[in-house]
Amino acid sequence: MRSNQSFLDGLIVYIIDPILGLFILLMIVSIILSWLISFRIINPYNPFVGSIWRMTSTITEPVLKPIRSILPPLGGLDFSPIVVILLVQFIRGWLLPELMLRF
């Protein structure tokens, strides 16, 4: 029974880590896209840009919203994506390896 449980734990770890990596990538794309839109380098009304913006916002905003309620913008800058990226990196760098050491 223990080997079956460790297989499931390992499977979860090896599925969660790539998903968290993809989330960080989407977070960075969302940050860069927001800069490009705010500096009027790209047009948010372009269908392609708008669809990417909506997709990244739909995925990242539910995670960023609670952080923004705790951490207000400082000097007009939003540091919530940096906090989220640091938290995800902490999970990937410390918690997931600890789970892998259990088996």
Protein backbone atom coordinates (compact mmCIF):
# COMPACT_ATOMS: atom_id res chain seq x y z
CA MET A 1 0.00 0.00 0.00
CA ARG A 2 2.87 2.40 0.76
CA SER A 3 4.34 2.05 -2.75
CA ASN A 4 0.95 2.89 -4.26
CA GLN A 5 0.68 5.97 -2.03
CA SER A 6 4.21 7.13 -2.91
CA PHE A 7 3.43 6.68 -6.60
CA LEU A 8 0.40 8.95 -6.24
CA ASP A 9 2.40 11.50 -4.24
CA GLY A 10 5.16 11.48 -6.88
CA LEU A 11 2.61 11.85 -9.66
CA ILE A 12 1.11 14.86 -7.90
CA VAL A 13 4.53 16.44 -7.43
CA TYR A 14 5.50 15.90 -11.06
CA ILE A 15 2.21 17.36 -12.27
CA ILE A 16 2.12 20.32 -9.88
CA ASP A 17 5.66 21.55 -10.61
CA PRO A 18 5.13 22.06 -14.39
CA ILE A 19 1.75 23.67 -13.74
CA LEU A 20 3.36 26.13 -11.31
CA GLY A 21 6.09 26.84 -13.88
CA LEU A 22 3.43 27.54 -16.50
CA PHE A 23 1.64 29.83 -14.04
CA ILE A 24 4.83 31.84 -13.52
CA LEU A 25 5.23 32.14 -17.28
CA LEU A 26 1.63 33.38 -17.62
CA MET A 27 2.24 35.84 -14.79
CA ILE A 28 5.29 37.26 -16.59
CA VAL A 29 3.37 37.48 -19.88
CA SER A 30 0.58 39.31 -18.07
CA ILE A 31 3.04 41.78 -16.52
CA ILE A 32 4.76 42.52 -19.84
CA LEU A 33 1.44 42.79 -21.65
CA SER A 34 0.12 45.27 -19.08
CA TRP A 35 3.24 47.41 -19.53
CA LEU A 36 2.92 47.33 -23.31
CA ILE A 37 -0.74 48.27 -23.11
CA SER A 38 -0.22 51.05 -20.56
CA PHE A 39 2.60 52.62 -22.60
CA ARG A 40 0.41 52.35 -25.73
CA ILE A 41 2.91 50.17 -27.56
CA ILE A 42 0.27 47.62 -28.45
CA ASN A 43 -3.43 48.10 -28.96
CA PRO A 44 -5.65 46.20 -26.48
CA TYR A 45 -8.51 46.33 -29.01
CA ASN A 46 -6.58 44.14 -31.42
CA PRO A 47 -8.40 40.76 -31.34
CA PHE A 48 -5.21 38.74 -30.82
CA VAL A 49 -3.85 41.00 -28.08
CA GLY A 50 -7.27 41.19 -26.45
CA SER A 51 -7.66 37.42 -26.35
CA ILE A 52 -4.22 36.93 -24.79
CA TRP A 53 -4.92 39.71 -22.29
CA ARG A 54 -8.27 38.17 -21.30
CA MET A 55 -6.73 34.69 -20.97
CA THR A 56 -3.84 35.82 -18.78
CA SER A 57 -6.09 38.05 -16.69
CA THR A 58 -8.62 35.27 -16.16
CA ILE A 59 -5.90 32.96 -14.87
CA THR A 60 -3.81 35.41 -12.83
CA GLU A 61 -6.35 37.84 -11.37
CA PRO A 62 -7.97 35.39 -8.89
CA VAL A 63 -4.54 34.86 -7.35
CA LEU A 64 -3.49 38.53 -7.48
CA LYS A 65 -6.73 39.95 -6.05
CA PRO A 66 -6.22 38.77 -2.42
CA ILE A 67 -2.60 39.94 -2.48
CA ARG A 68 -3.69 43.36 -3.75
CA SER A 69 -6.19 43.69 -0.92
CA ILE A 70 -3.35 43.15 1.58
CA LEU A 71 -0.53 44.96 -0.25
CA PRO A 72 -1.62 48.37 -1.59
CA PRO A 73 0.11 49.93 -4.62
CA LEU A 74 3.28 51.68 -3.51
CA GLY A 75 4.02 54.80 -5.50
CA GLY A 76 1.67 53.69 -8.26
CA LEU A 77 3.47 50.36 -8.67
CA ASP A 78 1.74 47.03 -8.20
CA PHE A 79 4.03 44.61 -6.38
CA SER A 80 1.47 41.81 -6.08
CA PRO A 81 2.81 39.86 -9.12
CA ILE A 82 6.27 39.85 -7.56
CA VAL A 83 4.85 38.53 -4.29
CA VAL A 84 2.94 35.80 -6.12
CA ILE A 85 5.99 34.78 -8.18
CA LEU A 86 8.10 34.60 -5.00
CA LEU A 87 5.45 32.47 -3.28
CA VAL A 88 5.20 30.10 -6.23
CA GLN A 89 8.99 29.83 -6.41
CA PHE A 90 9.02 29.05 -2.68
CA ILE A 91 6.51 26.27 -3.25
CA ARG A 92 8.49 24.91 -6.17
CA GLY A 93 11.88 25.24 -4.51
CA TRP A 94 11.15 24.16 -0.97
CA LEU A 95 7.77 22.52 -0.46
CA LEU A 96 7.73 20.23 -3.50
CA PRO A 97 11.24 18.84 -2.85
CA GLU A 98 10.21 18.22 0.77
CA LEU A 99 7.24 16.21 -0.51
CA MET A 100 9.53 14.25 -2.81
CA LEU A 101 11.86 13.41 0.11
CA ARG A 102 9.00 11.79 2.00
CA PHE A 103 9.03 8.75 -0.26
